[in-house]
Amino acid sequence: MEITDIKVRKINSEGRMKAVISVTFDNAFVVHDIKVIDGQEKLFVAMPSRKTPEGEFRDIAHPINSDMRNLLEQKILEQYENTLSEGIEEA
């Protein structure tokens, strides 16, 4: 599976959530609402999730192995940094 597009859809300058991302795979499948979060030590990627009736958050879509998670996080954070350096704020 190949990542064929990453769109930074929204950038927030305030708060811990820094951006909302959409990732397209194989020009055929897209995952929306991936978030870039400013953690205590570094930026990290949070997959789209929903709140359960018990108050927990569960991922709706997510990588199932660490290699894919690492690749996805690396590519998303690279695109986020590139978008910031270009000074583009997307809605």
PDB file of N, CA and C in Angstrom:
ATOM      1  N   MET A   1       0.851  -1.169   0.000  1.00  0.00           N
ATOM      2  CA  MET A   1       0.000   0.000   0.000  1.00  0.00           C
ATOM      3  C   MET A   1       0.895   1.230   0.000  1.00  0.00           C
ATOM      4  N   GLU A   2       0.571   2.169  -0.848  1.00  0.00           N
ATOM      5  CA  GLU A   2       1.375   3.367  -0.993  1.00  0.00           C
ATOM      6  C   GLU A   2       0.581   4.605  -0.576  1.00  0.00           C
ATOM      7  N   ILE A   3       1.227   5.503   0.146  1.00  0.00           N
ATOM      8  CA  ILE A   3       0.631   6.803   0.473  1.00  0.00           C
ATOM      9  C   ILE A   3       0.793   7.666  -0.764  1.00  0.00           C
ATOM     10  N   THR A   4      -0.325   8.053  -1.374  1.00  0.00           N
ATOM     11  CA  THR A   4      -0.249   8.816  -2.618  1.00  0.00           C
ATOM     12  C   THR A   4      -0.553  10.300  -2.448  1.00  0.00           C
ATOM     13  N   ASP A   5      -1.115  10.706  -1.307  1.00  0.00           N
ATOM     14  CA  ASP A   5      -1.363  12.133  -1.078  1.00  0.00           C
ATOM     15  C   ASP A   5      -1.584  12.381   0.412  1.00  0.00           C
ATOM     16  N   ILE A   6      -1.078  13.510   0.869  1.00  0.00           N
ATOM     17  CA  ILE A   6      -1.323  13.964   2.236  1.00  0.00           C
ATOM     18  C   ILE A   6      -1.718  15.424   2.153  1.00  0.00           C
ATOM     19  N   LYS A   7      -2.903  15.740   2.633  1.00  0.00           N
ATOM     20  CA  LYS A   7      -3.392  17.122   2.628  1.00  0.00           C
ATOM     21  C   LYS A   7      -3.511  17.626   4.060  1.00  0.00           C
ATOM     22  N   VAL A   8      -2.902  18.773   4.304  1.00  0.00           N
ATOM     23  CA  VAL A   8      -3.072  19.460   5.580  1.00  0.00           C
ATOM     24  C   VAL A   8      -4.324  20.302   5.416  1.00  0.00           C
ATOM     25  N   ARG A   9      -5.405  19.899   6.070  1.00  0.00           N
ATOM     26  CA  ARG A   9      -6.704  20.549   5.863  1.00  0.00           C
ATOM     27  C   ARG A   9      -6.918  21.743   6.774  1.00  0.00           C
ATOM     28  N   LYS A  10      -6.322  21.724   7.946  1.00  0.00           N
ATOM     29  CA  LYS A  10      -6.541  22.829   8.884  1.00  0.00           C
ATOM     30  C   LYS A  10      -5.337  22.925   9.803  1.00  0.00           C
ATOM     31  N   ILE A  11      -4.858  24.141  10.027  1.00  0.00           N
ATOM     32  CA  ILE A  11      -3.751  24.366  10.948  1.00  0.00           C
ATOM     33  C   ILE A  11      -4.239  25.263  12.078  1.00  0.00           C
ATOM     34  N   ASN A  12      -3.955  24.852  13.319  1.00  0.00           N
ATOM     35  CA  ASN A  12      -4.306  25.640  14.496  1.00  0.00           C
ATOM     36  C   ASN A  12      -3.024  26.150  15.121  1.00  0.00           C
ATOM     37  N   SER A  13      -2.963  27.438  15.386  1.00  0.00           N
ATOM     38  CA  SER A  13      -1.761  27.989  16.026  1.00  0.00           C
ATOM     39  C   SER A  13      -1.870  27.919  17.548  1.00  0.00           C
ATOM     40  N   GLU A  14      -3.084  27.826  18.063  1.00  0.00           N
ATOM     41  CA  GLU A  14      -3.267  27.755  19.511  1.00  0.00           C
ATOM     42  C   GLU A  14      -3.767  26.371  19.904  1.00  0.00           C
ATOM     43  N   GLY A  15      -3.496  25.997  21.138  1.00  0.00           N
ATOM     44  CA  GLY A  15      -3.949  24.707  21.642  1.00  0.00           C
ATOM     45  C   GLY A  15      -2.987  23.593  21.272  1.00  0.00           C
ATOM     46  N   ARG A  16      -3.281  22.395  21.770  1.00  0.00           N
ATOM     47  CA  ARG A  16      -2.407  21.241  21.535  1.00  0.00           C
ATOM     48  C   ARG A  16      -2.632  20.600  20.170  1.00  0.00           C
ATOM     49  N   MET A  17      -3.869  20.655  19.644  1.00  0.00           N
ATOM     50  CA  MET A  17      -4.110  20.104  18.316  1.00  0.00           C
ATOM     51  C   MET A  17      -3.612  21.101  17.277  1.00  0.00           C
ATOM     52  N   LYS A  18      -2.594  20.711  16.529  1.00  0.00           N
ATOM     53  CA  LYS A  18      -1.935  21.629  15.602  1.00  0.00           C
ATOM     54  C   LYS A  18      -2.463  21.558  14.183  1.00  0.00           C
ATOM     55  N   ALA A  19      -2.973  20.393  13.758  1.00  0.00           N
ATOM     56  CA  ALA A  19      -3.449  20.279  12.375  1.00  0.00           C
ATOM     57  C   ALA A  19      -4.400  19.104  12.234  1.00  0.00           C
ATOM     58  N   VAL A  20      -5.204  19.171  11.170  1.00  0.00           N
ATOM     59  CA  VAL A  20      -6.080  18.071  10.773  1.00  0.00           C
ATOM     60  C   VAL A  20      -5.634  17.664   9.369  1.00  0.00           C
ATOM     61  N   ILE A  21      -5.433  16.374   9.186  1.00  0.00           N
ATOM     62  CA  ILE A  21      -4.813  15.838   7.983  1.00  0.00           C
ATOM     63  C   ILE A  21      -5.742  14.819   7.313  1.00  0.00           C
ATOM     64  N   SER A  22      -5.643  14.724   5.976  1.00  0.00           N
ATOM     65  CA  SER A  22      -6.272  13.643   5.215  1.00  0.00           C
ATOM     66  C   SER A  22      -5.170  12.921   4.452  1.00  0.00           C
ATOM     67  N   VAL A  23      -5.196  11.594   4.484  1.00  0.00           N
ATOM     68  CA  VAL A  23      -4.190  10.787   3.799  1.00  0.00           C
ATOM     69  C   VAL A  23      -4.895   9.878   2.792  1.00  0.00           C
ATOM     70  N   THR A  24      -4.380   9.880   1.552  1.00  0.00           N
ATOM     71  CA  THR A  24      -4.910   9.018   0.500  1.00  0.00           C
ATOM     72  C   THR A  24      -3.927   7.881   0.252  1.00  0.00           C
ATOM     73  N   PHE A  25      -4.467   6.678   0.124  1.00  0.00           N
ATOM     74  CA  PHE A  25      -3.682   5.477  -0.148  1.00  0.00           C
ATOM     75  C   PHE A  25      -4.033   4.952  -1.534  1.00  0.00           C
ATOM     76  N   ASP A  26      -3.012   4.655  -2.330  1.00  0.00           N
ATOM     77  CA  ASP A  26      -3.164   4.052  -3.663  1.00  0.00           C
ATOM     78  C   ASP A  26      -4.155   4.808  -4.550  1.00  0.00           C
ATOM     79  N   ASN A  27      -4.272   6.114  -4.377  1.00  0.00           N
ATOM     80  CA  ASN A  27      -5.225   6.928  -5.142  1.00  0.00           C
ATOM     81  C   ASN A  27      -6.632   6.336  -5.113  1.00  0.00           C
ATOM     82  N   ALA A  28      -6.942   5.579  -4.036  1.00  0.00           N
ATOM     83  CA  ALA A  28      -8.230   4.877  -4.017  1.00  0.00           C
ATOM     84  C   ALA A  28      -8.950   4.920  -2.681  1.00  0.00           C
ATOM     85  N   PHE A  29      -8.248   5.236  -1.593  1.00  0.00           N
ATOM     86  CA  PHE A  29      -8.862   5.183  -0.259  1.00  0.00           C
ATOM     87  C   PHE A  29      -8.310   6.336   0.566  1.00  0.00           C
ATOM     88  N   VAL A  30      -9.198   7.081   1.223  1.00  0.00           N
ATOM     89  CA  VAL A  30      -8.759   8.239   2.010  1.00  0.00           C
ATOM     90  C   VAL A  30      -9.190   8.090   3.464  1.00  0.00           C
ATOM     91  N   VAL A  31      -8.343   8.549   4.367  1.00  0.00           N
ATOM     92  CA  VAL A  31      -8.663   8.608   5.787  1.00  0.00           C
ATOM     93  C   VAL A  31      -8.602  10.073   6.190  1.00  0.00           C
ATOM     94  N   HIS A  32      -9.728  10.604   6.676  1.00  0.00           N
ATOM     95  CA  HIS A  32      -9.827  12.002   7.107  1.00  0.00           C
ATOM     96  C   HIS A  32      -9.670  12.092   8.624  1.00  0.00           C
ATOM     97  N   ASP A  33      -9.472  13.298   9.098  1.00  0.00           N
ATOM     98  CA  ASP A  33      -9.483  13.633  10.528  1.00  0.00           C
ATOM     99  C   ASP A  33      -8.352  13.007  11.327  1.00  0.00           C
ATOM    100  N   ILE A  34      -7.192  12.818  10.691  1.00  0.00           N
ATOM    101  CA  ILE A  34      -5.988  12.451  11.420  1.00  0.00           C
ATOM    102  C   ILE A  34      -5.455  13.747  12.017  1.00  0.00           C
ATOM    103  N   LYS A  35      -5.071  13.725  13.274  1.00  0.00           N
ATOM    104  CA  LYS A  35      -4.675  14.961  13.960  1.00  0.00           C
ATOM    105  C   LYS A  35      -3.190  14.966  14.297  1.00  0.00           C
ATOM    106  N   VAL A  36      -2.579  16.146  14.161  1.00  0.00           N
ATOM    107  CA  VAL A  36      -1.216  16.366  14.652  1.00  0.00           C
ATOM    108  C   VAL A  36      -1.365  17.037  16.007  1.00  0.00           C
ATOM    109  N   ILE A  37      -0.821  16.395  17.028  1.00  0.00           N
ATOM    110  CA  ILE A  37      -0.963  16.861  18.408  1.00  0.00           C
ATOM    111  C   ILE A  37       0.404  17.252  18.956  1.00  0.00           C
ATOM    112  N   ASP A  38       0.446  18.366  19.695  1.00  0.00           N
ATOM    113  CA  ASP A  38       1.666  18.797  20.365  1.00  0.00           C
ATOM    114  C   ASP A  38       1.715  18.110  21.726  1.00  0.00           C
ATOM    115  N   GLY A  39       2.507  17.031  21.816  1.00  0.00           N
ATOM    116  CA  GLY A  39       2.629  16.276  23.054  1.00  0.00           C
ATOM    117  C   GLY A  39       3.615  16.916  24.011  1.00  0.00           C
ATOM    118  N   GLN A  40       3.840  16.276  25.130  1.00  0.00           N
ATOM    119  CA  GLN A  40       4.748  16.814  26.143  1.00  0.00           C
ATOM    120  C   GLN A  40       6.182  16.881  25.640  1.00  0.00           C
ATOM    121  N   GLU A  41       6.593  15.897  24.832  1.00  0.00           N
ATOM    122  CA  GLU A  41       7.976  15.857  24.369  1.00  0.00           C
ATOM    123  C   GLU A  41       8.136  16.137  22.882  1.00  0.00           C
ATOM    124  N   LYS A  42       7.105  15.853  22.081  1.00  0.00           N
ATOM    125  CA  LYS A  42       7.210  16.030  20.632  1.00  0.00           C
ATOM    126  C   LYS A  42       5.831  16.018  19.997  1.00  0.00           C
ATOM    127  N   LEU A  43       5.793  16.345  18.705  1.00  0.00           N
ATOM    128  CA  LEU A  43       4.558  16.215  17.949  1.00  0.00           C
ATOM    129  C   LEU A  43       4.287  14.743  17.713  1.00  0.00           C
ATOM    130  N   PHE A  44       2.993  14.380  17.709  1.00  0.00           N
ATOM    131  CA  PHE A  44       2.628  13.015  17.361  1.00  0.00           C
ATOM    132  C   PHE A  44       1.334  13.026  16.572  1.00  0.00           C
ATOM    133  N   VAL A  45       1.031  11.886  15.972  1.00  0.00           N
ATOM    134  CA  VAL A  45      -0.149  11.741  15.128  1.00  0.00           C
ATOM    135  C   VAL A  45      -1.195  10.924  15.868  1.00  0.00           C
ATOM    136  N   ALA A  46      -2.436  11.427  15.885  1.00  0.00           N
ATOM    137  CA  ALA A  46      -3.565  10.709  16.492  1.00  0.00           C
ATOM    138  C   ALA A  46      -4.531  10.338  15.375  1.00  0.00           C
ATOM    139  N   MET A  47      -4.866   9.074  15.319  1.00  0.00           N
ATOM    140  CA  MET A  47      -5.773   8.586  14.291  1.00  0.00           C
ATOM    141  C   MET A  47      -7.210   9.023  14.612  1.00  0.00           C
ATOM    142  N   PRO A  48      -8.087   9.036  13.589  1.00  0.00           N
ATOM    143  CA  PRO A  48      -9.475   9.426  13.841  1.00  0.00           C
ATOM    144  C   PRO A  48     -10.118   8.474  14.857  1.00  0.00           C
ATOM    145  N   SER A  49     -10.897   9.037  15.755  1.00  0.00           N
ATOM    146  CA  SER A  49     -11.495   8.222  16.811  1.00  0.00           C
ATOM    147  C   SER A  49     -12.896   8.724  17.135  1.00  0.00           C
ATOM    148  N   ARG A  50     -13.596   7.910  17.922  1.00  0.00           N
ATOM    149  CA  ARG A  50     -14.908   8.338  18.417  1.00  0.00           C
ATOM    150  C   ARG A  50     -14.997   7.970  19.890  1.00  0.00           C
ATOM    151  N   LYS A  51     -15.842   8.688  20.593  1.00  0.00           N
ATOM    152  CA  LYS A  51     -16.022   8.463  22.023  1.00  0.00           C
ATOM    153  C   LYS A  51     -17.070   7.377  22.231  1.00  0.00           C
ATOM    154  N   THR A  52     -16.731   6.379  23.058  1.00  0.00           N
ATOM    155  CA  THR A  52     -17.671   5.305  23.372  1.00  0.00           C
ATOM    156  C   THR A  52     -18.637   5.775  24.461  1.00  0.00           C
ATOM    157  N   PRO A  53     -19.730   5.055  24.663  1.00  0.00           N
ATOM    158  CA  PRO A  53     -20.650   5.420  25.740  1.00  0.00           C
ATOM    159  C   PRO A  53     -19.986   5.406  27.128  1.00  0.00           C
ATOM    160  N   GLU A  54     -18.907   4.651  27.261  1.00  0.00           N
ATOM    161  CA  GLU A  54     -18.173   4.602  28.542  1.00  0.00           C
ATOM    162  C   GLU A  54     -17.213   5.775  28.703  1.00  0.00           C
ATOM    163  N   GLY A  55     -17.105   6.633  27.688  1.00  0.00           N
ATOM    164  CA  GLY A  55     -16.242   7.808  27.773  1.00  0.00           C
ATOM    165  C   GLY A  55     -14.832   7.601  27.257  1.00  0.00           C
ATOM    166  N   GLU A  56     -14.534   6.403  26.742  1.00  0.00           N
ATOM    167  CA  GLU A  56     -13.217   6.129  26.174  1.00  0.00           C
ATOM    168  C   GLU A  56     -13.202   6.539  24.706  1.00  0.00           C
ATOM    169  N   PHE A  57     -12.012   6.845  24.184  1.00  0.00           N
ATOM    170  CA  PHE A  57     -11.870   7.124  22.763  1.00  0.00           C
ATOM    171  C   PHE A  57     -11.283   5.897  22.083  1.00  0.00           C
ATOM    172  N   ARG A  58     -11.899   5.471  20.971  1.00  0.00           N
ATOM    173  CA  ARG A  58     -11.438   4.303  20.212  1.00  0.00           C
ATOM    174  C   ARG A  58     -11.154   4.740  18.784  1.00  0.00           C
ATOM    175  N   ASP A  59      -9.997   4.304  18.259  1.00  0.00           N
ATOM    176  CA  ASP A  59      -9.655   4.627  16.881  1.00  0.00           C
ATOM    177  C   ASP A  59     -10.669   4.014  15.923  1.00  0.00           C
ATOM    178  N   ILE A  60     -11.025   4.774  14.896  1.00  0.00           N
ATOM    179  CA  ILE A  60     -11.912   4.291  13.839  1.00  0.00           C
ATOM    180  C   ILE A  60     -11.086   3.578  12.773  1.00  0.00           C
ATOM    181  N   ALA A  61      -9.934   4.146  12.454  1.00  0.00           N
ATOM    182  CA  ALA A  61      -9.009   3.559  11.479  1.00  0.00           C
ATOM    183  C   ALA A  61      -7.610   3.739  12.035  1.00  0.00           C
ATOM    184  N   HIS A  62      -6.760   2.714  11.853  1.00  0.00           N
ATOM    185  CA  HIS A  62      -5.401   2.821  12.382  1.00  0.00           C
ATOM    186  C   HIS A  62      -4.497   1.775  11.751  1.00  0.00           C
ATOM    187  N   PRO A  63      -3.174   2.046  11.716  1.00  0.00           N
ATOM    188  CA  PRO A  63      -2.228   1.048  11.226  1.00  0.00           C
ATOM    189  C   PRO A  63      -2.237  -0.157  12.174  1.00  0.00           C
ATOM    190  N   ILE A  64      -1.987  -1.345  11.622  1.00  0.00           N
ATOM    191  CA  ILE A  64      -1.996  -2.533  12.476  1.00  0.00           C
ATOM    192  C   ILE A  64      -0.600  -3.057  12.796  1.00  0.00           C
ATOM    193  N   ASN A  65       0.435  -2.362  12.309  1.00  0.00           N
ATOM    194  CA  ASN A  65       1.791  -2.743  12.713  1.00  0.00           C
ATOM    195  C   ASN A  65       2.648  -1.495  12.885  1.00  0.00           C
ATOM    196  N   SER A  66       3.733  -1.639  13.614  1.00  0.00           N
ATOM    197  CA  SER A  66       4.553  -0.475  13.964  1.00  0.00           C
ATOM    198  C   SER A  66       5.279   0.110  12.753  1.00  0.00           C
ATOM    199  N   ASP A  67       5.632  -0.721  11.773  1.00  0.00           N
ATOM    200  CA  ASP A  67       6.300  -0.184  10.583  1.00  0.00           C
ATOM    201  C   ASP A  67       5.392   0.793   9.841  1.00  0.00           C
ATOM    202  N   MET A  68       4.127   0.405   9.655  1.00  0.00           N
ATOM    203  CA  MET A  68       3.184   1.291   8.959  1.00  0.00           C
ATOM    204  C   MET A  68       2.894   2.524   9.798  1.00  0.00           C
ATOM    205  N   ARG A  69       2.754   2.363  11.114  1.00  0.00           N
ATOM    206  CA  ARG A  69       2.514   3.520  11.984  1.00  0.00           C
ATOM    207  C   ARG A  69       3.675   4.503  11.893  1.00  0.00           C
ATOM    208  N   ASN A  70       4.907   4.002  11.940  1.00  0.00           N
ATOM    209  CA  ASN A  70       6.088   4.870  11.862  1.00  0.00           C
ATOM    210  C   ASN A  70       6.168   5.583  10.521  1.00  0.00           C
ATOM    211  N   LEU A  71       5.922   4.855   9.420  1.00  0.00           N
ATOM    212  CA  LEU A  71       5.944   5.468   8.090  1.00  0.00           C
ATOM    213  C   LEU A  71       4.877   6.543   7.974  1.00  0.00           C
ATOM    214  N   LEU A  72       3.675   6.236   8.399  1.00  0.00           N
ATOM    215  CA  LEU A  72       2.567   7.186   8.309  1.00  0.00           C
ATOM    216  C   LEU A  72       2.858   8.431   9.133  1.00  0.00           C
ATOM    217  N   GLU A  73       3.323   8.254  10.363  1.00  0.00           N
ATOM    218  CA  GLU A  73       3.638   9.405  11.216  1.00  0.00           C
ATOM    219  C   GLU A  73       4.755  10.245  10.606  1.00  0.00           C
ATOM    220  N   GLN A  74       5.794   9.606  10.090  1.00  0.00           N
ATOM    221  CA  GLN A  74       6.901  10.337   9.479  1.00  0.00           C
ATOM    222  C   GLN A  74       6.416  11.180   8.299  1.00  0.00           C
ATOM    223  N   LYS A  75       5.651  10.584   7.398  1.00  0.00           N
ATOM    224  CA  LYS A  75       5.170  11.296   6.206  1.00  0.00           C
ATOM    225  C   LYS A  75       4.214  12.432   6.577  1.00  0.00           C
ATOM    226  N   ILE A  76       3.326  12.189   7.542  1.00  0.00           N
ATOM    227  CA  ILE A  76       2.377  13.228   7.962  1.00  0.00           C
ATOM    228  C   ILE A  76       3.125  14.403   8.587  1.00  0.00           C
ATOM    229  N   LEU A  77       4.049  14.127   9.490  1.00  0.00           N
ATOM    230  CA  LEU A  77       4.780  15.214  10.154  1.00  0.00           C
ATOM    231  C   LEU A  77       5.665  15.975   9.171  1.00  0.00           C
ATOM    232  N   GLU A  78       6.243  15.291   8.180  1.00  0.00           N
ATOM    233  CA  GLU A  78       7.015  15.973   7.134  1.00  0.00           C
ATOM    234  C   GLU A  78       6.126  16.941   6.360  1.00  0.00           C
ATOM    235  N   GLN A  79       4.934  16.480   5.961  1.00  0.00           N
ATOM    236  CA  GLN A  79       4.023  17.347   5.214  1.00  0.00           C
ATOM    237  C   GLN A  79       3.550  18.514   6.066  1.00  0.00           C
ATOM    238  N   TYR A  80       3.280  18.271   7.328  1.00  0.00           N
ATOM    239  CA  TYR A  80       2.877  19.337   8.248  1.00  0.00           C
ATOM    240  C   TYR A  80       3.978  20.392   8.343  1.00  0.00           C
ATOM    241  N   GLU A  81       5.218  19.963   8.552  1.00  0.00           N
ATOM    242  CA  GLU A  81       6.346  20.906   8.656  1.00  0.00           C
ATOM    243  C   GLU A  81       6.542  21.662   7.346  1.00  0.00           C
ATOM    244  N   ASN A  82       6.421  20.979   6.201  1.00  0.00           N
ATOM    245  CA  ASN A  82       6.548  21.644   4.902  1.00  0.00           C
ATOM    246  C   ASN A  82       5.468  22.706   4.723  1.00  0.00           C
ATOM    247  N   THR A  83       4.254  22.378   5.130  1.00  0.00           N
ATOM    248  CA  THR A  83       3.151  23.332   5.001  1.00  0.00           C
ATOM    249  C   THR A  83       3.388  24.547   5.896  1.00  0.00           C
ATOM    250  N   LEU A  84       3.880  24.312   7.115  1.00  0.00           N
ATOM    251  CA  LEU A  84       4.196  25.436   8.011  1.00  0.00           C
ATOM    252  C   LEU A  84       5.290  26.316   7.431  1.00  0.00           C
ATOM    253  N   SER A  85       6.325  25.707   6.874  1.00  0.00           N
ATOM    254  CA  SER A  85       7.443  26.491   6.347  1.00  0.00           C
ATOM    255  C   SER A  85       7.049  27.292   5.105  1.00  0.00           C
ATOM    256  N   GLU A  86       6.034  26.799   4.388  1.00  0.00           N
ATOM    257  CA  GLU A  86       5.526  27.539   3.214  1.00  0.00           C
ATOM    258  C   GLU A  86       4.584  28.659   3.621  1.00  0.00           C
ATOM    259  N   GLY A  87       4.155  28.650   4.885  1.00  0.00           N
ATOM    260  CA  GLY A  87       3.261  29.690   5.376  1.00  0.00           C
ATOM    261  C   GLY A  87       1.836  29.555   4.857  1.00  0.00           C
ATOM    262  N   ILE A  88       1.456  28.346   4.497  1.00  0.00           N
ATOM    263  CA  ILE A  88       0.109  28.110   3.967  1.00  0.00           C
ATOM    264  C   ILE A  88      -0.777  27.627   5.111  1.00  0.00           C
ATOM    265  N   GLU A  89      -1.889  28.313   5.295  1.00  0.00           N
ATOM    266  CA  GLU A  89      -2.882  27.848   6.262  1.00  0.00           C
ATOM    267  C   GLU A  89      -4.103  27.434   5.469  1.00  0.00           C
ATOM    268  N   GLU A  90      -4.424  26.162   5.519  1.00  0.00           N
ATOM    269  CA  GLU A  90      -5.563  25.638   4.780  1.00  0.00           C
ATOM    270  C   GLU A  90      -6.752  25.504   5.702  1.00  0.00           C
ATOM    271  N   ALA A  91      -7.935  25.616   5.111  1.00  0.00           N
ATOM    272  CA  ALA A  91      -9.160  25.492   5.902  1.00  0.00           C
ATOM    273  C   ALA A  91      -9.740  24.124   5.821  1.00  0.00           C
TER     274      ALA A  91
END
